[in-house]
Amino acid sequence: MYATHTPNLLSDALERAYSRSLLDATQQPLQLGKAIRQLGRLIGRGAAATGRFIASVINAQAEARARDMRYSRTPW
């Protein structure tokens, strides 16, 4: 009943043709392997960056300890 009062309603044939043309225009084969490889690369880069950050923090702490030991005037 409400469908007859809607001015922008497409007929079934037009709606099917419109949706079919949209599906045909945007349909691409699923490339799951490529997506998995890209995700793997992204995770690898993130892990490498995290490792470099942790290493720099450890090095900075070691340098600070060495400087502190050098100038503390204690024999130890």
Protein backbone atom coordinates (compact mmCIF):
# COMPACT_ATOMS: atom_id res chain seq x y z
CA MET A 1 0.00 0.00 0.00
CA TYR A 2 2.75 2.45 0.88
CA ALA A 3 4.79 1.47 -2.18
CA THR A 4 2.26 3.08 -4.51
CA HIS A 5 2.67 6.43 -2.79
CA THR A 6 6.44 6.55 -3.19
CA PRO A 7 7.39 8.72 -6.20
CA ASN A 8 10.98 7.38 -6.64
CA LEU A 9 10.17 3.69 -6.70
CA LEU A 10 11.79 1.78 -9.56
CA SER A 11 10.05 -1.05 -11.29
CA ASP A 12 11.38 -4.54 -10.62
CA ALA A 13 12.97 -4.82 -14.05
CA LEU A 14 14.74 -1.45 -13.72
CA GLU A 15 15.89 -2.27 -10.21
CA ARG A 16 17.31 -5.64 -11.32
CA ALA A 17 19.08 -4.05 -14.28
CA TYR A 18 20.50 -1.30 -12.10
CA SER A 19 21.79 -3.70 -9.44
CA ARG A 20 23.20 -6.06 -12.06
CA SER A 21 25.08 -3.21 -13.73
CA LEU A 22 26.48 -2.12 -10.37
CA LEU A 23 27.61 -5.64 -9.55
CA ASP A 24 29.22 -6.08 -12.95
CA ALA A 25 31.04 -2.76 -12.71
CA THR A 26 32.45 -3.34 -9.22
CA GLN A 27 33.02 -7.08 -9.30
CA GLN A 28 36.66 -8.01 -8.91
CA PRO A 29 38.09 -11.41 -8.14
CA LEU A 30 38.85 -12.01 -4.50
CA GLN A 31 42.59 -11.85 -3.97
CA LEU A 32 42.89 -13.37 -0.54
CA GLY A 33 46.54 -14.35 -0.94
CA LYS A 34 47.55 -10.82 -1.86
CA ALA A 35 45.67 -9.39 1.10
CA ILE A 36 47.31 -11.89 3.46
CA ARG A 37 50.76 -11.03 2.10
CA GLN A 38 50.13 -7.31 2.55
CA LEU A 39 48.90 -7.89 6.09
CA GLY A 40 51.98 -10.00 6.81
CA ARG A 41 54.27 -7.26 5.51
CA LEU A 42 52.47 -4.68 7.61
CA ILE A 43 52.78 -6.82 10.75
CA GLY A 44 56.46 -7.44 9.97
CA ARG A 45 57.17 -3.74 9.58
CA GLY A 46 55.37 -2.99 12.83
CA ALA A 47 57.31 -5.69 14.66
CA ALA A 48 60.62 -4.42 13.27
CA ALA A 49 59.82 -0.84 14.27
CA THR A 50 58.80 -1.98 17.75
CA GLY A 51 62.03 -3.97 18.07
CA ARG A 52 64.13 -0.98 17.01
CA PHE A 53 62.32 1.22 19.53
CA ILE A 54 62.86 -1.26 22.37
CA ALA A 55 66.54 -1.59 21.44
CA SER A 56 67.01 2.18 21.45
CA VAL A 57 65.37 2.45 24.88
CA ILE A 58 67.61 -0.31 26.26
CA ASN A 59 70.68 1.38 24.77
CA ALA A 60 69.66 4.74 26.20
CA GLN A 61 69.22 3.19 29.65
CA ALA A 62 72.60 1.46 29.44
CA GLU A 63 74.31 4.70 28.39
CA ALA A 64 72.64 6.59 31.23
CA ARG A 65 73.78 3.95 33.73
CA ALA A 66 77.31 4.09 32.35
CA ARG A 67 77.40 7.89 32.61
CA ASP A 68 76.03 7.76 36.12
CA MET A 69 78.64 5.20 37.20
CA ARG A 70 81.41 7.19 35.60
CA TYR A 71 80.62 10.45 37.42
CA SER A 72 79.31 9.19 40.76
CA ARG A 73 82.78 9.22 42.45
CA THR A 74 82.18 5.78 43.90
CA PRO A 75 84.59 2.93 43.41
CA TRP A 76 81.83 0.61 42.26
